[in-house]
Amino acid sequence: MGTEYYKGESIEKSDIKGEIYLFKAAKNRHINAQYGLCVIYSNDQVSIYNPKQSFAWCAVSKHNGNKLAAARLLEVQGKILVSEGLDRLNQCQSVAKHYINRWEK
């Protein structure tokens, strides 16, 4: 349901509603929802753009076996490093470790 709100194809587009549905599923350890959060938070064209959250959810999704998450994680890591620096990347890595411990499969 979350991706349907995000895409806005069969229902009215809503980044916020999409985020809520994906987050609920991600907390229940649904790997595709975890990857969905990784993707939507990395999109700077949406209202919920959040590189730190994207990095964390990409790391969780990768840890839980999503093959696509590894490439997205490297992409997000590069963007954070270039635009916000090493200290910010270290903060993101810390959040990612916390998320992995909390939501690993």
N, C-alpha and C. Protein backbone atom coordinates (compact mmCIF):
# COMPACT_ATOMS: atom_id res chain seq x y z
N MET A 1 0.82 -1.19 0.00
CA MET A 1 0.00 0.00 0.00
C MET A 1 0.87 1.26 0.00
N GLY A 2 2.00 1.20 0.71
CA GLY A 2 2.87 2.36 0.80
C GLY A 2 3.39 2.82 -0.54
N THR A 3 3.82 1.87 -1.37
CA THR A 3 4.35 2.26 -2.67
C THR A 3 3.26 2.81 -3.58
N GLU A 4 2.02 2.35 -3.40
CA GLU A 4 0.93 2.88 -4.20
C GLU A 4 0.70 4.37 -3.90
N TYR A 5 0.75 4.73 -2.62
CA TYR A 5 0.63 6.15 -2.26
C TYR A 5 1.81 6.94 -2.80
N TYR A 6 2.98 6.37 -2.73
CA TYR A 6 4.19 7.06 -3.19
C TYR A 6 4.14 7.29 -4.70
N LYS A 7 3.72 6.27 -5.45
CA LYS A 7 3.66 6.38 -6.90
C LYS A 7 2.46 7.19 -7.37
N GLY A 8 1.35 7.08 -6.65
CA GLY A 8 0.15 7.82 -7.01
C GLY A 8 -0.50 7.33 -8.30
N GLU A 9 -0.36 6.05 -8.60
CA GLU A 9 -0.94 5.52 -9.84
C GLU A 9 -2.40 5.12 -9.68
N SER A 10 -2.71 4.30 -8.69
CA SER A 10 -4.08 3.82 -8.53
C SER A 10 -4.85 4.58 -7.44
N ILE A 11 -4.13 5.36 -6.64
CA ILE A 11 -4.73 6.19 -5.60
C ILE A 11 -4.02 7.54 -5.58
N GLU A 12 -4.61 8.47 -4.87
CA GLU A 12 -4.02 9.82 -4.81
C GLU A 12 -2.62 9.77 -4.21
N LYS A 13 -1.68 10.43 -4.88
CA LYS A 13 -0.29 10.44 -4.43
C LYS A 13 -0.16 11.16 -3.09
N SER A 14 0.56 10.52 -2.18
CA SER A 14 0.83 11.11 -0.87
C SER A 14 2.11 10.51 -0.32
N ASP A 15 3.19 11.31 -0.33
CA ASP A 15 4.47 10.84 0.20
C ASP A 15 4.34 10.47 1.67
N ILE A 16 3.59 11.26 2.42
CA ILE A 16 3.43 11.03 3.86
C ILE A 16 2.70 9.71 4.12
N LYS A 17 1.57 9.49 3.45
CA LYS A 17 0.84 8.24 3.65
C LYS A 17 1.67 7.05 3.20
N GLY A 18 2.40 7.20 2.11
CA GLY A 18 3.28 6.13 1.66
C GLY A 18 4.34 5.81 2.69
N GLU A 19 4.91 6.85 3.27
CA GLU A 19 5.92 6.67 4.31
C GLU A 19 5.34 5.93 5.51
N ILE A 20 4.15 6.30 5.93
CA ILE A 20 3.51 5.67 7.09
C ILE A 20 3.31 4.18 6.85
N TYR A 21 2.74 3.83 5.70
CA TYR A 21 2.50 2.41 5.40
C TYR A 21 3.81 1.63 5.28
N LEU A 22 4.79 2.21 4.60
CA LEU A 22 6.07 1.51 4.46
C LEU A 22 6.75 1.35 5.81
N PHE A 23 6.67 2.37 6.65
CA PHE A 23 7.32 2.30 7.96
C PHE A 23 6.69 1.19 8.82
N LYS A 24 5.37 1.10 8.79
CA LYS A 24 4.70 0.04 9.56
C LYS A 24 5.17 -1.34 9.10
N ALA A 25 5.23 -1.53 7.80
CA ALA A 25 5.67 -2.82 7.27
C ALA A 25 7.16 -3.06 7.54
N ALA A 26 7.96 -2.02 7.43
CA ALA A 26 9.41 -2.14 7.68
C ALA A 26 9.68 -2.54 9.13
N LYS A 27 8.93 -1.96 10.05
CA LYS A 27 9.09 -2.32 11.46
C LYS A 27 8.72 -3.78 11.71
N ASN A 28 7.85 -4.32 10.87
CA ASN A 28 7.47 -5.73 10.96
C ASN A 28 8.40 -6.61 10.14
N ARG A 29 9.54 -6.06 9.80
CA ARG A 29 10.63 -6.78 9.14
C ARG A 29 10.33 -7.23 7.71
N HIS A 30 9.51 -6.49 7.01
CA HIS A 30 9.28 -6.75 5.60
C HIS A 30 10.42 -6.10 4.81
N ILE A 31 11.24 -6.93 4.21
CA ILE A 31 12.45 -6.45 3.54
C ILE A 31 12.12 -5.48 2.40
N ASN A 32 11.08 -5.77 1.64
CA ASN A 32 10.73 -4.88 0.53
C ASN A 32 10.30 -3.50 1.03
N ALA A 33 9.63 -3.45 2.16
CA ALA A 33 9.24 -2.16 2.75
C ALA A 33 10.48 -1.42 3.25
N GLN A 34 11.42 -2.16 3.83
CA GLN A 34 12.67 -1.54 4.28
C GLN A 34 13.40 -0.92 3.09
N TYR A 35 13.43 -1.65 1.99
CA TYR A 35 14.06 -1.11 0.78
C TYR A 35 13.25 0.06 0.23
N GLY A 36 11.94 -0.03 0.33
CA GLY A 36 11.09 1.08 -0.12
C GLY A 36 11.42 2.37 0.61
N LEU A 37 11.64 2.29 1.92
CA LEU A 37 12.04 3.48 2.68
C LEU A 37 13.42 3.96 2.25
N CYS A 38 14.30 3.04 2.00
CA CYS A 38 15.64 3.37 1.50
C CYS A 38 15.52 4.22 0.23
N VAL A 39 14.64 3.79 -0.67
CA VAL A 39 14.48 4.47 -1.96
C VAL A 39 13.78 5.82 -1.81
N ILE A 40 12.65 5.86 -1.11
CA ILE A 40 11.91 7.13 -1.08
C ILE A 40 12.66 8.20 -0.31
N TYR A 41 13.34 7.83 0.76
CA TYR A 41 14.10 8.83 1.51
C TYR A 41 15.30 9.35 0.72
N SER A 42 15.75 8.60 -0.29
CA SER A 42 16.91 9.04 -1.08
C SER A 42 16.51 9.92 -2.26
N ASN A 43 15.22 10.07 -2.50
CA ASN A 43 14.73 10.85 -3.63
C ASN A 43 14.57 12.31 -3.22
N ASP A 44 15.45 13.17 -3.73
CA ASP A 44 15.40 14.58 -3.35
C ASP A 44 14.25 15.34 -4.01
N GLN A 45 13.42 14.65 -4.76
CA GLN A 45 12.26 15.27 -5.39
C GLN A 45 10.98 15.10 -4.58
N VAL A 46 11.07 14.44 -3.42
CA VAL A 46 9.87 14.22 -2.60
C VAL A 46 9.96 15.03 -1.31
N SER A 47 8.82 15.27 -0.71
CA SER A 47 8.76 16.10 0.49
C SER A 47 9.41 15.45 1.70
N ILE A 48 9.58 14.14 1.67
CA ILE A 48 10.13 13.44 2.83
C ILE A 48 11.60 13.05 2.62
N TYR A 49 12.28 13.71 1.70
CA TYR A 49 13.70 13.45 1.43
C TYR A 49 14.49 13.51 2.74
N ASN A 50 15.26 12.44 3.00
CA ASN A 50 16.03 12.38 4.24
C ASN A 50 17.19 11.40 4.05
N PRO A 51 18.37 11.90 3.65
CA PRO A 51 19.50 11.02 3.37
C PRO A 51 19.92 10.15 4.56
N LYS A 52 19.82 10.70 5.77
CA LYS A 52 20.19 9.92 6.96
C LYS A 52 19.28 8.71 7.12
N GLN A 53 17.98 8.91 6.97
CA GLN A 53 17.04 7.80 7.05
C GLN A 53 17.23 6.84 5.88
N SER A 54 17.49 7.39 4.72
CA SER A 54 17.74 6.53 3.55
C SER A 54 18.93 5.62 3.81
N PHE A 55 20.02 6.18 4.30
CA PHE A 55 21.22 5.39 4.59
C PHE A 55 20.89 4.28 5.58
N ALA A 56 20.18 4.62 6.64
CA ALA A 56 19.86 3.64 7.67
C ALA A 56 18.98 2.51 7.12
N TRP A 57 17.95 2.86 6.38
CA TRP A 57 17.06 1.83 5.85
C TRP A 57 17.71 1.02 4.74
N CYS A 58 18.58 1.64 3.96
CA CYS A 58 19.35 0.87 2.96
C CYS A 58 20.23 -0.15 3.67
N ALA A 59 20.86 0.25 4.76
CA ALA A 59 21.72 -0.65 5.52
C ALA A 59 20.92 -1.81 6.11
N VAL A 60 19.75 -1.52 6.65
CA VAL A 60 18.89 -2.57 7.21
C VAL A 60 18.48 -3.54 6.10
N SER A 61 18.02 -2.99 4.99
CA SER A 61 17.56 -3.81 3.89
C SER A 61 18.69 -4.68 3.34
N LYS A 62 19.86 -4.10 3.20
CA LYS A 62 21.03 -4.87 2.74
C LYS A 62 21.34 -5.98 3.74
N HIS A 63 21.39 -5.64 5.00
CA HIS A 63 21.68 -6.61 6.05
C HIS A 63 20.69 -7.78 6.03
N ASN A 64 19.44 -7.46 5.72
CA ASN A 64 18.39 -8.48 5.71
C ASN A 64 18.27 -9.22 4.38
N GLY A 65 19.18 -8.94 3.46
CA GLY A 65 19.26 -9.75 2.24
C GLY A 65 18.76 -9.15 0.95
N ASN A 66 18.36 -7.88 0.94
CA ASN A 66 17.91 -7.27 -0.31
C ASN A 66 19.13 -6.95 -1.17
N LYS A 67 19.19 -7.54 -2.35
CA LYS A 67 20.35 -7.38 -3.24
C LYS A 67 20.48 -5.97 -3.81
N LEU A 68 19.37 -5.29 -4.03
CA LEU A 68 19.41 -3.95 -4.60
C LEU A 68 19.88 -2.90 -3.60
N ALA A 69 19.72 -3.19 -2.34
CA ALA A 69 20.04 -2.20 -1.30
C ALA A 69 21.52 -1.85 -1.24
N ALA A 70 22.39 -2.78 -1.57
CA ALA A 70 23.83 -2.52 -1.50
C ALA A 70 24.24 -1.38 -2.43
N ALA A 71 23.75 -1.41 -3.65
CA ALA A 71 24.08 -0.36 -4.61
C ALA A 71 23.51 0.98 -4.18
N ARG A 72 22.27 0.97 -3.71
CA ARG A 72 21.64 2.22 -3.27
C ARG A 72 22.37 2.78 -2.05
N LEU A 73 22.81 1.90 -1.15
CA LEU A 73 23.54 2.32 0.04
C LEU A 73 24.83 3.05 -0.36
N LEU A 74 25.56 2.50 -1.32
CA LEU A 74 26.79 3.16 -1.78
C LEU A 74 26.49 4.52 -2.41
N GLU A 75 25.42 4.59 -3.16
CA GLU A 75 25.02 5.85 -3.79
C GLU A 75 24.69 6.91 -2.73
N VAL A 76 23.89 6.53 -1.76
CA VAL A 76 23.50 7.46 -0.69
C VAL A 76 24.73 7.85 0.13
N GLN A 77 25.58 6.89 0.42
CA GLN A 77 26.80 7.17 1.17
C GLN A 77 27.65 8.23 0.46
N GLY A 78 27.81 8.08 -0.84
CA GLY A 78 28.57 9.05 -1.62
C GLY A 78 27.96 10.44 -1.58
N LYS A 79 26.64 10.51 -1.71
CA LYS A 79 25.95 11.81 -1.66
C LYS A 79 26.15 12.48 -0.30
N ILE A 80 26.02 11.70 0.76
CA ILE A 80 26.18 12.26 2.11
C ILE A 80 27.61 12.75 2.31
N LEU A 81 28.57 11.94 1.90
CA LEU A 81 29.98 12.31 2.08
C LEU A 81 30.32 13.59 1.33
N VAL A 82 29.85 13.71 0.10
CA VAL A 82 30.14 14.89 -0.71
C VAL A 82 29.41 16.13 -0.20
N SER A 83 28.13 15.99 0.13
CA SER A 83 27.34 17.18 0.49
C SER A 83 27.39 17.55 1.96
N GLU A 84 27.63 16.56 2.84
CA GLU A 84 27.55 16.85 4.27
C GLU A 84 28.81 16.50 5.06
N GLY A 85 29.70 15.71 4.48
CA GLY A 85 30.98 15.44 5.12
C GLY A 85 31.04 14.16 5.93
N LEU A 86 32.24 13.85 6.38
CA LEU A 86 32.53 12.61 7.08
C LEU A 86 31.83 12.52 8.44
N ASP A 87 31.76 13.62 9.18
CA ASP A 87 31.07 13.58 10.48
C ASP A 87 29.61 13.16 10.32
N ARG A 88 28.95 13.71 9.32
CA ARG A 88 27.55 13.36 9.08
C ARG A 88 27.43 11.89 8.66
N LEU A 89 28.36 11.44 7.82
CA LEU A 89 28.33 10.04 7.42
C LEU A 89 28.51 9.12 8.63
N ASN A 90 29.39 9.50 9.53
CA ASN A 90 29.58 8.71 10.76
C ASN A 90 28.30 8.66 11.59
N GLN A 91 27.58 9.78 11.66
CA GLN A 91 26.29 9.80 12.36
C GLN A 91 25.30 8.85 11.69
N CYS A 92 25.28 8.87 10.38
CA CYS A 92 24.38 7.99 9.63
C CYS A 92 24.72 6.52 9.87
N GLN A 93 26.00 6.22 9.92
CA GLN A 93 26.42 4.84 10.18
C GLN A 93 26.00 4.39 11.58
N SER A 94 26.06 5.29 12.53
CA SER A 94 25.63 4.98 13.88
C SER A 94 24.13 4.68 13.94
N VAL A 95 23.35 5.50 13.27
CA VAL A 95 21.91 5.28 13.20
C VAL A 95 21.62 3.95 12.51
N ALA A 96 22.34 3.67 11.44
CA ALA A 96 22.15 2.42 10.70
C ALA A 96 22.41 1.20 11.59
N LYS A 97 23.46 1.25 12.38
CA LYS A 97 23.76 0.13 13.29
C LYS A 97 22.62 -0.08 14.28
N HIS A 98 22.11 1.01 14.80
CA HIS A 98 20.97 0.93 15.73
C HIS A 98 19.76 0.30 15.04
N TYR A 99 19.45 0.75 13.84
CA TYR A 99 18.30 0.21 13.10
C TYR A 99 18.49 -1.27 12.80
N ILE A 100 19.69 -1.66 12.39
CA ILE A 100 19.96 -3.07 12.09
C ILE A 100 19.70 -3.92 13.32
N ASN A 101 20.21 -3.48 14.45
CA ASN A 101 19.99 -4.24 15.70
C ASN A 101 18.51 -4.34 16.04
N ARG A 102 17.77 -3.30 15.73
CA ARG A 102 16.36 -3.26 16.09
C ARG A 102 15.47 -4.01 15.10
N TRP A 103 15.80 -3.93 13.81
CA TRP A 103 14.91 -4.47 12.79
C TRP A 103 15.54 -5.52 11.89
N GLU A 104 16.54 -6.22 12.39
CA GLU A 104 17.08 -7.28 11.55
C GLU A 104 16.09 -8.43 11.49
N LYS A 105 16.15 -9.14 10.40
CA LYS A 105 15.20 -10.24 10.17
C LYS A 105 15.51 -11.41 11.06
